[in-house]
Amino acid sequence: MDADEVRKWAKSYDESYDDELHEIEQALHEALQAQGHITQEQLQDVVTWKLDNQAGRRSGNIDRVDQVPDEFIRRVSEAALVVDDPEVQLKTLSSIPGIGYATATVVLTFYDPEQYAVGDRYMVDLFFDEDRQMRVTDYPTLLAELRDRNPGGFDLRTVEKAYYQRYRKEQGIA
């Protein structure tokens, strides 16, 4: 995609973006930047954001997060955010019950949308041409692909939104 296409597809994503989910992303970005960690309540919001259309999985994962002491979540997430290695970061964050690799990418993306992007099975299908869950080893490659496809001037979250939205349109995903 060139810069105009990235703008067009990212705008299309934003136009279809639920206001409540957008507010979660904005609020958590500001909070994570200020705090350098995530709280249990904020992590529940991440799970809500990630699993918005999957009520059963969402409530189950939130229940698992609820069983973990807030202090544990704060310390684990703080440790993950000080490391500069996406694989280590995902492994660290996914040590929190209820948090898988895809949800861990949301935490990183909300923390720093310049450097991170949401990774999930759709992005794996798009960039690896495989219909499967994202593996921890996929994430650095996914980030590199998005950087390579960035026509310049965009944060990785914007590039990811553009590719994701175009993929959704091409695949007929609502």
N, C-alpha and C. Protein backbone atom coordinates (compact mmCIF):
# COMPACT_ATOMS: atom_id res chain seq x y z
N MET A 1 0.84 -1.18 0.00
CA MET A 1 0.00 0.00 0.00
C MET A 1 0.88 1.24 0.00
N ASP A 2 0.43 2.24 -0.73
CA ASP A 2 1.12 3.52 -0.64
C ASP A 2 0.49 4.35 0.48
N ALA A 3 1.01 5.55 0.71
CA ALA A 3 0.56 6.36 1.84
C ALA A 3 -0.93 6.69 1.75
N ASP A 4 -1.42 6.99 0.56
CA ASP A 4 -2.84 7.31 0.40
C ASP A 4 -3.73 6.12 0.73
N GLU A 5 -3.29 4.93 0.33
CA GLU A 5 -4.07 3.72 0.64
C GLU A 5 -4.07 3.44 2.14
N VAL A 6 -2.93 3.62 2.78
CA VAL A 6 -2.87 3.43 4.23
C VAL A 6 -3.84 4.39 4.91
N ARG A 7 -3.81 5.65 4.50
CA ARG A 7 -4.74 6.63 5.07
C ARG A 7 -6.19 6.21 4.85
N LYS A 8 -6.50 5.78 3.62
CA LYS A 8 -7.87 5.41 3.27
C LYS A 8 -8.36 4.22 4.09
N TRP A 9 -7.55 3.17 4.17
CA TRP A 9 -7.97 1.96 4.88
C TRP A 9 -7.98 2.18 6.39
N ALA A 10 -7.02 2.94 6.91
CA ALA A 10 -7.02 3.24 8.35
C ALA A 10 -8.23 4.10 8.70
N LYS A 11 -8.60 5.03 7.84
CA LYS A 11 -9.79 5.85 8.06
C LYS A 11 -11.04 4.97 8.05
N SER A 12 -11.10 4.03 7.12
CA SER A 12 -12.23 3.10 7.05
C SER A 12 -12.33 2.30 8.35
N TYR A 13 -11.19 1.86 8.87
CA TYR A 13 -11.16 1.15 10.15
C TYR A 13 -11.74 2.05 11.24
N ASP A 14 -11.22 3.27 11.32
CA ASP A 14 -11.66 4.20 12.37
C ASP A 14 -13.15 4.50 12.28
N GLU A 15 -13.67 4.60 11.08
CA GLU A 15 -15.10 4.89 10.89
C GLU A 15 -15.98 3.74 11.36
N SER A 16 -15.47 2.53 11.32
CA SER A 16 -16.26 1.38 11.75
C SER A 16 -15.93 0.97 13.19
N TYR A 17 -15.03 1.70 13.82
CA TYR A 17 -14.54 1.40 15.16
C TYR A 17 -15.57 1.82 16.20
N ASP A 18 -16.00 0.90 17.02
CA ASP A 18 -16.95 1.16 18.09
C ASP A 18 -16.39 2.23 19.03
N ASP A 19 -17.21 3.22 19.36
CA ASP A 19 -16.76 4.34 20.19
C ASP A 19 -16.23 3.88 21.55
N GLU A 20 -16.91 2.92 22.17
CA GLU A 20 -16.47 2.44 23.48
C GLU A 20 -15.09 1.78 23.38
N LEU A 21 -14.87 1.00 22.33
CA LEU A 21 -13.57 0.35 22.16
C LEU A 21 -12.49 1.38 21.87
N HIS A 22 -12.82 2.39 21.10
CA HIS A 22 -11.85 3.46 20.82
C HIS A 22 -11.47 4.18 22.12
N GLU A 23 -12.46 4.43 22.97
CA GLU A 23 -12.18 5.09 24.25
C GLU A 23 -11.28 4.22 25.13
N ILE A 24 -11.50 2.90 25.13
CA ILE A 24 -10.64 2.00 25.89
C ILE A 24 -9.21 2.13 25.38
N GLU A 25 -9.02 2.08 24.07
CA GLU A 25 -7.67 2.17 23.51
C GLU A 25 -7.00 3.48 23.90
N GLN A 26 -7.70 4.59 23.75
CA GLN A 26 -7.11 5.91 24.06
C GLN A 26 -6.78 6.03 25.55
N ALA A 27 -7.72 5.64 26.40
CA ALA A 27 -7.50 5.75 27.85
C ALA A 27 -6.34 4.87 28.30
N LEU A 28 -6.27 3.65 27.77
CA LEU A 28 -5.20 2.75 28.18
C LEU A 28 -3.84 3.21 27.65
N HIS A 29 -3.82 3.78 26.46
CA HIS A 29 -2.54 4.30 25.94
C HIS A 29 -2.00 5.35 26.90
N GLU A 30 -2.83 6.29 27.27
CA GLU A 30 -2.39 7.36 28.18
C GLU A 30 -1.97 6.79 29.54
N ALA A 31 -2.76 5.87 30.08
CA ALA A 31 -2.47 5.30 31.39
C ALA A 31 -1.18 4.48 31.37
N LEU A 32 -1.02 3.62 30.36
CA LEU A 32 0.17 2.78 30.30
C LEU A 32 1.44 3.61 30.14
N GLN A 33 1.36 4.66 29.34
CA GLN A 33 2.52 5.53 29.19
C GLN A 33 2.89 6.17 30.52
N ALA A 34 1.90 6.62 31.26
CA ALA A 34 2.15 7.29 32.54
C ALA A 34 2.60 6.31 33.61
N GLN A 35 2.01 5.10 33.64
CA GLN A 35 2.26 4.15 34.72
C GLN A 35 3.46 3.25 34.47
N GLY A 36 3.67 2.83 33.23
CA GLY A 36 4.71 1.86 32.93
C GLY A 36 4.33 0.43 33.31
N HIS A 37 3.05 0.21 33.57
CA HIS A 37 2.51 -1.13 33.88
C HIS A 37 1.01 -1.08 33.64
N ILE A 38 0.37 -2.24 33.76
CA ILE A 38 -1.08 -2.30 33.63
C ILE A 38 -1.67 -2.87 34.92
N THR A 39 -2.84 -2.40 35.27
CA THR A 39 -3.52 -2.90 36.47
C THR A 39 -4.48 -4.03 36.08
N GLN A 40 -4.99 -4.70 37.09
CA GLN A 40 -5.97 -5.77 36.84
C GLN A 40 -7.20 -5.21 36.12
N GLU A 41 -7.72 -4.10 36.60
CA GLU A 41 -8.91 -3.49 35.98
C GLU A 41 -8.63 -3.08 34.54
N GLN A 42 -7.47 -2.51 34.28
CA GLN A 42 -7.11 -2.12 32.92
C GLN A 42 -6.94 -3.34 32.02
N LEU A 43 -6.41 -4.42 32.58
CA LEU A 43 -6.24 -5.64 31.81
C LEU A 43 -7.61 -6.24 31.45
N GLN A 44 -8.56 -6.11 32.34
CA GLN A 44 -9.93 -6.53 32.02
C GLN A 44 -10.45 -5.74 30.81
N ASP A 45 -10.12 -4.45 30.75
CA ASP A 45 -10.52 -3.63 29.60
C ASP A 45 -9.85 -4.10 28.31
N VAL A 46 -8.59 -4.52 28.41
CA VAL A 46 -7.89 -5.05 27.23
C VAL A 46 -8.60 -6.30 26.74
N VAL A 47 -8.94 -7.19 27.65
CA VAL A 47 -9.65 -8.42 27.27
C VAL A 47 -11.01 -8.07 26.65
N THR A 48 -11.70 -7.12 27.23
CA THR A 48 -12.98 -6.66 26.67
C THR A 48 -12.77 -6.15 25.25
N TRP A 49 -11.74 -5.36 25.04
CA TRP A 49 -11.44 -4.81 23.71
C TRP A 49 -11.12 -5.93 22.73
N LYS A 50 -10.24 -6.83 23.11
CA LYS A 50 -9.77 -7.88 22.20
C LYS A 50 -10.87 -8.87 21.86
N LEU A 51 -11.66 -9.23 22.83
CA LEU A 51 -12.67 -10.28 22.62
C LEU A 51 -14.08 -9.69 22.60
N ASP A 52 -14.20 -8.51 22.08
CA ASP A 52 -15.46 -7.78 22.04
C ASP A 52 -16.62 -8.62 21.50
N ASN A 53 -16.41 -9.33 20.42
CA ASN A 53 -17.48 -10.09 19.77
C ASN A 53 -17.55 -11.55 20.22
N GLN A 54 -16.80 -11.90 21.26
CA GLN A 54 -16.75 -13.29 21.72
C GLN A 54 -17.08 -13.34 23.21
N ALA A 55 -18.34 -13.14 23.52
CA ALA A 55 -18.77 -12.99 24.92
C ALA A 55 -18.32 -14.13 25.83
N GLY A 56 -18.44 -15.36 25.36
CA GLY A 56 -18.05 -16.50 26.19
C GLY A 56 -16.57 -16.50 26.52
N ARG A 57 -15.74 -16.36 25.51
CA ARG A 57 -14.29 -16.30 25.74
C ARG A 57 -13.92 -15.09 26.58
N ARG A 58 -14.56 -13.96 26.27
CA ARG A 58 -14.26 -12.72 27.00
C ARG A 58 -14.52 -12.91 28.48
N SER A 59 -15.70 -13.38 28.85
CA SER A 59 -16.02 -13.51 30.27
C SER A 59 -15.13 -14.55 30.95
N GLY A 60 -14.80 -15.63 30.25
CA GLY A 60 -13.90 -16.64 30.82
C GLY A 60 -12.52 -16.09 31.08
N ASN A 61 -12.00 -15.32 30.12
CA ASN A 61 -10.66 -14.74 30.30
C ASN A 61 -10.66 -13.66 31.38
N ILE A 62 -11.73 -12.88 31.44
CA ILE A 62 -11.82 -11.88 32.51
C ILE A 62 -11.89 -12.57 33.87
N ASP A 63 -12.63 -13.67 33.97
CA ASP A 63 -12.67 -14.43 35.22
C ASP A 63 -11.28 -14.90 35.62
N ARG A 64 -10.48 -15.36 34.65
CA ARG A 64 -9.11 -15.81 34.96
C ARG A 64 -8.25 -14.63 35.43
N VAL A 65 -8.39 -13.49 34.77
CA VAL A 65 -7.64 -12.29 35.18
C VAL A 65 -8.06 -11.89 36.60
N ASP A 66 -9.35 -12.00 36.91
CA ASP A 66 -9.85 -11.63 38.24
C ASP A 66 -9.24 -12.47 39.36
N GLN A 67 -8.78 -13.67 39.04
CA GLN A 67 -8.22 -14.57 40.04
C GLN A 67 -6.76 -14.23 40.39
N VAL A 68 -6.18 -13.33 39.60
CA VAL A 68 -4.77 -12.99 39.77
C VAL A 68 -4.66 -11.70 40.57
N PRO A 69 -3.80 -11.66 41.59
CA PRO A 69 -3.65 -10.43 42.36
C PRO A 69 -3.19 -9.26 41.47
N ASP A 70 -3.76 -8.10 41.73
CA ASP A 70 -3.41 -6.89 40.99
C ASP A 70 -1.90 -6.63 41.01
N GLU A 71 -1.28 -6.83 42.15
CA GLU A 71 0.16 -6.57 42.28
C GLU A 71 0.97 -7.46 41.35
N PHE A 72 0.56 -8.71 41.18
CA PHE A 72 1.23 -9.62 40.25
C PHE A 72 1.13 -9.07 38.82
N ILE A 73 -0.07 -8.66 38.42
CA ILE A 73 -0.27 -8.12 37.07
C ILE A 73 0.59 -6.88 36.87
N ARG A 74 0.63 -6.01 37.85
CA ARG A 74 1.44 -4.79 37.75
C ARG A 74 2.92 -5.13 37.56
N ARG A 75 3.42 -6.04 38.37
CA ARG A 75 4.86 -6.37 38.31
C ARG A 75 5.23 -7.11 37.02
N VAL A 76 4.40 -8.06 36.62
CA VAL A 76 4.68 -8.80 35.39
C VAL A 76 4.63 -7.86 34.19
N SER A 77 3.62 -7.01 34.14
CA SER A 77 3.51 -6.10 33.00
C SER A 77 4.64 -5.07 33.00
N GLU A 78 5.02 -4.61 34.16
CA GLU A 78 6.14 -3.67 34.24
C GLU A 78 7.41 -4.32 33.70
N ALA A 79 7.64 -5.56 34.08
CA ALA A 79 8.82 -6.29 33.58
C ALA A 79 8.75 -6.44 32.06
N ALA A 80 7.57 -6.74 31.54
CA ALA A 80 7.42 -6.92 30.09
C ALA A 80 7.68 -5.61 29.34
N LEU A 81 7.27 -4.50 29.91
CA LEU A 81 7.39 -3.22 29.20
C LEU A 81 8.80 -2.64 29.23
N VAL A 82 9.67 -3.12 30.12
CA VAL A 82 11.04 -2.59 30.14
C VAL A 82 11.98 -3.37 29.22
N VAL A 83 11.54 -4.51 28.74
CA VAL A 83 12.36 -5.33 27.83
C VAL A 83 12.11 -4.87 26.40
N ASP A 84 13.13 -4.95 25.57
CA ASP A 84 12.97 -4.55 24.17
C ASP A 84 13.09 -5.77 23.25
N ASP A 85 12.27 -6.77 23.54
CA ASP A 85 12.27 -8.00 22.76
C ASP A 85 10.83 -8.50 22.70
N PRO A 86 10.18 -8.39 21.53
CA PRO A 86 8.77 -8.75 21.43
C PRO A 86 8.44 -10.18 21.87
N GLU A 87 9.32 -11.13 21.61
CA GLU A 87 9.05 -12.51 22.04
C GLU A 87 9.05 -12.61 23.56
N VAL A 88 10.04 -12.02 24.20
CA VAL A 88 10.12 -12.04 25.66
C VAL A 88 8.92 -11.30 26.25
N GLN A 89 8.56 -10.19 25.64
CA GLN A 89 7.42 -9.42 26.12
C GLN A 89 6.13 -10.25 26.07
N LEU A 90 5.90 -10.93 24.94
CA LEU A 90 4.69 -11.75 24.83
C LEU A 90 4.70 -12.92 25.81
N LYS A 91 5.85 -13.57 25.94
CA LYS A 91 5.94 -14.68 26.89
C LYS A 91 5.69 -14.20 28.32
N THR A 92 6.22 -13.04 28.64
CA THR A 92 6.05 -12.49 29.99
C THR A 92 4.59 -12.14 30.24
N LEU A 93 3.98 -11.39 29.34
CA LEU A 93 2.58 -10.99 29.52
C LEU A 93 1.64 -12.19 29.52
N SER A 94 1.94 -13.18 28.70
CA SER A 94 1.05 -14.35 28.63
C SER A 94 1.21 -15.27 29.85
N SER A 95 2.14 -14.96 30.74
CA SER A 95 2.23 -15.72 31.98
C SER A 95 1.09 -15.34 32.94
N ILE A 96 0.38 -14.27 32.61
CA ILE A 96 -0.79 -13.86 33.39
C ILE A 96 -1.97 -14.71 32.92
N PRO A 97 -2.60 -15.45 33.82
CA PRO A 97 -3.76 -16.27 33.42
C PRO A 97 -4.82 -15.42 32.71
N GLY A 98 -5.34 -15.96 31.61
CA GLY A 98 -6.36 -15.27 30.82
C GLY A 98 -5.80 -14.43 29.69
N ILE A 99 -4.46 -14.37 29.59
CA ILE A 99 -3.83 -13.54 28.56
C ILE A 99 -3.03 -14.43 27.63
N GLY A 100 -3.45 -14.49 26.38
CA GLY A 100 -2.72 -15.22 25.36
C GLY A 100 -1.83 -14.27 24.57
N TYR A 101 -1.15 -14.80 23.60
CA TYR A 101 -0.22 -13.98 22.82
C TYR A 101 -0.93 -12.84 22.10
N ALA A 102 -2.08 -13.11 21.49
CA ALA A 102 -2.79 -12.06 20.75
C ALA A 102 -3.21 -10.93 21.68
N THR A 103 -3.71 -11.29 22.86
CA THR A 103 -4.11 -10.25 23.82
C THR A 103 -2.88 -9.51 24.33
N ALA A 104 -1.78 -10.19 24.49
CA ALA A 104 -0.54 -9.53 24.92
C ALA A 104 -0.11 -8.48 23.90
N THR A 105 -0.33 -8.76 22.60
CA THR A 105 0.03 -7.76 21.58
C THR A 105 -0.82 -6.50 21.74
N VAL A 106 -2.04 -6.65 22.24
CA VAL A 106 -2.90 -5.48 22.46
C VAL A 106 -2.31 -4.61 23.56
N VAL A 107 -1.84 -5.23 24.64
CA VAL A 107 -1.21 -4.47 25.72
C VAL A 107 -0.02 -3.68 25.16
N LEU A 108 0.84 -4.34 24.39
CA LEU A 108 2.01 -3.65 23.83
C LEU A 108 1.60 -2.52 22.88
N THR A 109 0.58 -2.78 22.07
CA THR A 109 0.12 -1.78 21.11
C THR A 109 -0.47 -0.57 21.81
N PHE A 110 -1.28 -0.82 22.83
CA PHE A 110 -1.85 0.30 23.57
C PHE A 110 -0.75 1.07 24.30
N TYR A 111 0.28 0.38 24.74
CA TYR A 111 1.40 1.03 25.41
C TYR A 111 2.18 1.92 24.43
N ASP A 112 2.51 1.39 23.25
CA ASP A 112 3.34 2.14 22.29
C ASP A 112 2.92 1.83 20.85
N PRO A 113 1.90 2.53 20.34
CA PRO A 113 1.42 2.27 18.98
C PRO A 113 2.42 2.65 17.89
N GLU A 114 3.45 3.37 18.25
CA GLU A 114 4.50 3.70 17.27
C GLU A 114 5.29 2.44 16.90
N GLN A 115 5.54 1.59 17.89
CA GLN A 115 6.43 0.44 17.72
C GLN A 115 5.73 -0.92 17.65
N TYR A 116 4.48 -0.97 18.08
CA TYR A 116 3.78 -2.25 18.16
C TYR A 116 2.47 -2.21 17.38
N ALA A 117 1.96 -3.40 17.10
CA ALA A 117 0.69 -3.55 16.40
C ALA A 117 -0.02 -4.78 16.94
N VAL A 118 -1.33 -4.80 16.79
CA VAL A 118 -2.12 -5.94 17.24
C VAL A 118 -1.87 -7.11 16.30
N GLY A 119 -1.57 -8.25 16.89
CA GLY A 119 -1.36 -9.47 16.12
C GLY A 119 -2.42 -10.49 16.47
N ASP A 120 -2.93 -11.15 15.45
CA ASP A 120 -3.92 -12.20 15.68
C ASP A 120 -3.96 -13.11 14.47
N ARG A 121 -4.90 -14.04 14.47
CA ARG A 121 -4.95 -15.03 13.39
C ARG A 121 -5.19 -14.39 12.03
N TYR A 122 -5.90 -13.25 11.99
CA TYR A 122 -6.13 -12.58 10.71
C TYR A 122 -4.82 -12.03 10.14
N MET A 123 -4.00 -11.48 11.02
CA MET A 123 -2.71 -10.94 10.56
C MET A 123 -1.78 -12.09 10.16
N VAL A 124 -1.86 -13.21 10.84
CA VAL A 124 -1.07 -14.38 10.46
C VAL A 124 -1.50 -14.85 9.08
N ASP A 125 -2.79 -14.92 8.84
CA ASP A 125 -3.29 -15.32 7.52
C ASP A 125 -2.82 -14.34 6.45
N LEU A 126 -2.90 -13.07 6.74
CA LEU A 126 -2.52 -12.04 5.78
C LEU A 126 -1.03 -12.09 5.44
N PHE A 127 -0.18 -12.16 6.45
CA PHE A 127 1.26 -12.05 6.22
C PHE A 127 1.98 -13.39 6.06
N PHE A 128 1.41 -14.47 6.60
CA PHE A 128 2.06 -15.77 6.52
C PHE A 128 1.28 -16.77 5.67
N ASP A 129 0.09 -16.35 5.23
CA ASP A 129 -0.79 -17.18 4.40
C ASP A 129 -1.08 -18.52 5.08
N GLU A 130 -1.34 -18.46 6.39
CA GLU A 130 -1.67 -19.65 7.16
C GLU A 130 -2.85 -19.33 8.07
N ASP A 131 -3.86 -20.19 8.05
CA ASP A 131 -5.03 -20.01 8.89
C ASP A 131 -4.78 -20.71 10.22
N ARG A 132 -4.20 -19.95 11.17
CA ARG A 132 -3.87 -20.50 12.49
C ARG A 132 -3.71 -19.36 13.48
N GLN A 133 -3.62 -19.74 14.74
CA GLN A 133 -3.37 -18.76 15.79
C GLN A 133 -1.96 -18.20 15.65
N MET A 134 -1.77 -17.00 16.18
CA MET A 134 -0.45 -16.39 16.16
C MET A 134 0.45 -17.06 17.19
N ARG A 135 1.66 -17.37 16.78
CA ARG A 135 2.67 -17.92 17.68
C ARG A 135 3.55 -16.78 18.18
N VAL A 136 4.17 -16.99 19.31
CA VAL A 136 5.05 -15.96 19.86
C VAL A 136 6.18 -15.62 18.88
N THR A 137 6.65 -16.60 18.14
CA THR A 137 7.74 -16.37 17.19
C THR A 137 7.29 -15.60 15.94
N ASP A 138 5.98 -15.52 15.72
CA ASP A 138 5.46 -14.76 14.57
C ASP A 138 5.52 -13.25 14.79
N TYR A 139 5.43 -12.83 16.03
CA TYR A 139 5.24 -11.41 16.31
C TYR A 139 6.39 -10.53 15.81
N PRO A 140 7.65 -10.87 16.06
CA PRO A 140 8.71 -10.02 15.52
C PRO A 140 8.66 -9.92 13.99
N THR A 141 8.33 -11.02 13.33
CA THR A 141 8.23 -11.01 11.88
C THR A 141 7.06 -10.15 11.42
N LEU A 142 5.94 -10.26 12.12
CA LEU A 142 4.78 -9.43 11.81
C LEU A 142 5.12 -7.95 11.94
N LEU A 143 5.80 -7.58 13.01
CA LEU A 143 6.20 -6.18 13.19
C LEU A 143 7.15 -5.73 12.08
N ALA A 144 8.08 -6.60 11.71
CA ALA A 144 9.01 -6.27 10.63
C ALA A 144 8.27 -6.09 9.31
N GLU A 145 7.30 -6.96 9.04
CA GLU A 145 6.49 -6.83 7.82
C GLU A 145 5.76 -5.50 7.78
N LEU A 146 5.18 -5.12 8.90
CA LEU A 146 4.47 -3.84 8.95
C LEU A 146 5.42 -2.66 8.78
N ARG A 147 6.60 -2.75 9.38
CA ARG A 147 7.60 -1.68 9.19
C ARG A 147 8.02 -1.59 7.73
N ASP A 148 8.24 -2.75 7.11
CA ASP A 148 8.64 -2.79 5.70
C ASP A 148 7.56 -2.25 4.78
N ARG A 149 6.31 -2.42 5.17
CA ARG A 149 5.18 -1.98 4.35
C ARG A 149 4.71 -0.58 4.70
N ASN A 150 5.38 0.06 5.63
CA ASN A 150 5.02 1.42 6.02
C ASN A 150 5.60 2.38 5.00
N PRO A 151 4.75 3.09 4.26
CA PRO A 151 5.26 4.01 3.25
C PRO A 151 5.90 5.25 3.86
N GLY A 152 5.92 5.33 5.18
CA GLY A 152 6.59 6.42 5.86
C GLY A 152 5.62 7.34 6.58
N GLY A 153 6.01 7.76 7.77
CA GLY A 153 5.24 8.72 8.51
C GLY A 153 4.10 8.17 9.34
N PHE A 154 3.88 6.86 9.33
CA PHE A 154 2.78 6.28 10.08
C PHE A 154 3.32 5.46 11.24
N ASP A 155 2.55 5.44 12.35
CA ASP A 155 2.91 4.51 13.42
C ASP A 155 2.46 3.12 13.00
N LEU A 156 3.02 2.10 13.64
CA LEU A 156 2.69 0.73 13.24
C LEU A 156 1.22 0.40 13.46
N ARG A 157 0.61 0.97 14.46
CA ARG A 157 -0.81 0.71 14.70
C ARG A 157 -1.64 1.17 13.50
N THR A 158 -1.32 2.32 12.94
CA THR A 158 -2.06 2.83 11.78
C THR A 158 -1.87 1.92 10.58
N VAL A 159 -0.65 1.47 10.35
CA VAL A 159 -0.38 0.56 9.23
C VAL A 159 -1.12 -0.75 9.45
N GLU A 160 -1.08 -1.26 10.66
CA GLU A 160 -1.80 -2.51 10.99
C GLU A 160 -3.29 -2.35 10.77
N LYS A 161 -3.87 -1.23 11.22
CA LYS A 161 -5.30 -0.99 11.01
C LYS A 161 -5.65 -1.00 9.53
N ALA A 162 -4.80 -0.38 8.71
CA ALA A 162 -5.06 -0.33 7.28
C ALA A 162 -5.04 -1.72 6.66
N TYR A 163 -4.02 -2.50 6.96
CA TYR A 163 -3.94 -3.85 6.41
C TYR A 163 -5.06 -4.75 6.94
N TYR A 164 -5.38 -4.59 8.21
CA TYR A 164 -6.45 -5.39 8.81
C TYR A 164 -7.79 -5.05 8.16
N GLN A 165 -8.07 -3.76 7.99
CA GLN A 165 -9.35 -3.36 7.42
C GLN A 165 -9.48 -3.83 5.97
N ARG A 166 -8.40 -3.70 5.21
CA ARG A 166 -8.45 -4.18 3.82
C ARG A 166 -8.65 -5.70 3.79
N TYR A 167 -7.97 -6.41 4.67
CA TYR A 167 -8.13 -7.87 4.77
C TYR A 167 -9.57 -8.22 5.08
N ARG A 168 -10.15 -7.54 6.07
CA ARG A 168 -11.55 -7.79 6.44
C ARG A 168 -12.48 -7.60 5.24
N LYS A 169 -12.26 -6.53 4.51
CA LYS A 169 -13.10 -6.24 3.34
C LYS A 169 -12.94 -7.34 2.27
N GLU A 170 -11.71 -7.70 1.98
CA GLU A 170 -11.43 -8.71 0.97
C GLU A 170 -11.96 -10.09 1.36
N GLN A 171 -11.95 -10.39 2.66
CA GLN A 171 -12.39 -11.71 3.15
C GLN A 171 -13.88 -11.74 3.51
N GLY A 172 -14.53 -10.58 3.43
CA GLY A 172 -15.95 -10.53 3.77
C GLY A 172 -16.22 -10.71 5.25
N ILE A 173 -15.31 -10.24 6.09
CA ILE A 173 -15.47 -10.35 7.54
C ILE A 173 -16.16 -9.09 8.04
N ALA A 174 -17.21 -9.27 8.80
CA ALA A 174 -17.98 -8.11 9.30
C ALA A 174 -17.26 -7.37 10.38
